[in-house]
């Protein structure tokens, strides 16, 4: 079983491409923030862009979590590995801080 509980997970080419694309967009947004700061952009304009970056990271996290539940967690449950549920609960608690 390729599962996160083994600290690695094989991702399909499609999943890898999709997640990487999201991160590349977020990276571009962060570079844009730096440029805005260096060009002395107005604070509220920068803050709006910070909010957009935060929303993009949150969306990335949700997508990754959903995939984790559908694959790693579901596979673990099917195989009788209840520890995967504890790991999910711990992860969700960390995300909700």
Protein backbone atom coordinates (compact mmCIF):
# COMPACT_ATOMS: atom_id res chain seq x y z
CA UNK A 1 0.00 0.00 0.00
CA UNK A 2 1.40 3.40 -1.04
CA UNK A 3 0.12 5.41 1.86
CA UNK A 4 0.98 8.55 3.74
CA UNK A 5 1.26 6.56 6.95
CA UNK A 6 4.55 5.23 5.55
CA UNK A 7 5.72 8.83 5.13
CA UNK A 8 5.64 8.60 1.33
CA UNK A 9 2.85 8.43 -1.19
CA UNK A 10 2.97 7.69 -4.87
CA UNK A 11 0.86 10.22 -6.76
CA UNK A 12 -0.43 9.75 -10.26
CA UNK A 13 1.06 11.95 -12.94
CA UNK A 14 -2.26 13.82 -13.14
CA UNK A 15 -2.40 14.45 -9.39
CA UNK A 16 1.25 15.51 -9.29
CA UNK A 17 0.72 17.89 -12.21
CA UNK A 18 -2.45 19.38 -10.72
CA UNK A 19 -0.91 20.02 -7.29
CA UNK A 20 2.33 21.35 -8.75
CA UNK A 21 0.38 23.72 -10.98
CA UNK A 22 -1.47 25.09 -7.95
CA UNK A 23 1.79 25.59 -6.05
CA UNK A 24 3.39 27.31 -9.04
CA UNK A 25 0.49 29.78 -9.16
CA UNK A 26 0.81 30.42 -5.43
CA UNK A 27 4.55 30.94 -5.81
CA UNK A 28 3.85 33.51 -8.52
CA UNK A 29 1.38 35.28 -6.24
CA UNK A 30 3.99 35.46 -3.48
CA UNK A 31 6.56 36.88 -5.91
CA UNK A 32 3.94 39.45 -6.89
CA UNK A 33 3.60 40.43 -3.24
CA UNK A 34 7.34 41.00 -3.00
CA UNK A 35 7.23 43.16 -6.12
CA UNK A 36 4.32 45.18 -4.73
CA UNK A 37 6.26 45.77 -1.54
CA UNK A 38 9.40 46.78 -3.41
CA UNK A 39 7.37 49.19 -5.56
CA UNK A 40 5.88 50.79 -2.45
CA UNK A 41 2.33 49.67 -3.24
CA UNK A 42 -0.44 50.91 -1.01
CA UNK A 43 -0.88 48.75 2.12
CA UNK A 44 -4.54 47.77 1.50
CA UNK A 45 -3.65 46.66 -2.03
CA UNK A 46 -0.93 44.37 -0.65
CA UNK A 47 -3.25 43.07 2.06
CA UNK A 48 -5.88 42.12 -0.52
CA UNK A 49 -3.24 40.12 -2.38
CA UNK A 50 -2.08 38.49 0.87
CA UNK A 51 -5.66 37.40 1.40
CA UNK A 52 -5.71 35.90 -2.10
CA UNK A 53 -2.52 33.95 -1.39
CA UNK A 54 -3.97 32.69 1.89
CA UNK A 55 -7.12 31.56 0.10
CA UNK A 56 -5.05 29.79 -2.56
CA UNK A 57 -3.00 27.95 0.09
CA UNK A 58 -6.20 27.00 1.90
CA UNK A 59 -7.64 25.65 -1.35
CA UNK A 60 -4.45 23.64 -1.96
CA UNK A 61 -4.68 22.19 1.55
CA UNK A 62 -8.31 21.21 1.06
CA UNK A 63 -7.52 19.45 -2.21
CA UNK A 64 -4.58 17.59 -0.68
CA UNK A 65 -6.63 16.61 2.38
CA UNK A 66 -9.50 15.35 0.22
CA UNK A 67 -7.11 13.23 -1.82
CA UNK A 68 -5.48 11.92 1.36
CA UNK A 69 -8.85 10.86 2.76
CA UNK A 70 -9.93 9.21 -0.51
CA UNK A 71 -6.68 7.28 -0.87
CA UNK A 72 -4.51 6.83 2.21
CA UNK A 73 -7.24 6.92 4.82
CA UNK A 74 -9.72 4.83 2.82
CA UNK A 75 -7.05 2.24 2.01
CA UNK A 76 -5.98 2.08 5.65
CA UNK A 77 -9.54 1.57 6.85
CA UNK A 78 -10.16 -1.14 4.24
CA UNK A 79 -7.06 -2.92 5.48
CA UNK A 80 -8.11 -2.65 9.12
CA UNK A 81 -5.48 -0.06 10.05
CA UNK A 82 -7.29 2.04 12.66
CA UNK A 83 -4.11 4.07 13.27
CA UNK A 84 -4.82 5.90 10.02
CA UNK A 85 -7.94 7.38 11.65
CA UNK A 86 -5.91 8.63 14.62
CA UNK A 87 -3.42 10.16 12.19
CA UNK A 88 -6.25 11.90 10.32
CA UNK A 89 -7.70 13.30 13.56
CA UNK A 90 -4.26 14.59 14.59
CA UNK A 91 -3.79 16.18 11.18
CA UNK A 92 -7.21 17.86 11.31
CA UNK A 93 -6.47 19.19 14.79
CA UNK A 94 -3.24 20.74 13.54
CA UNK A 95 -5.04 22.29 10.58
CA UNK A 96 -7.66 23.86 12.82
CA UNK A 97 -5.23 25.71 15.08
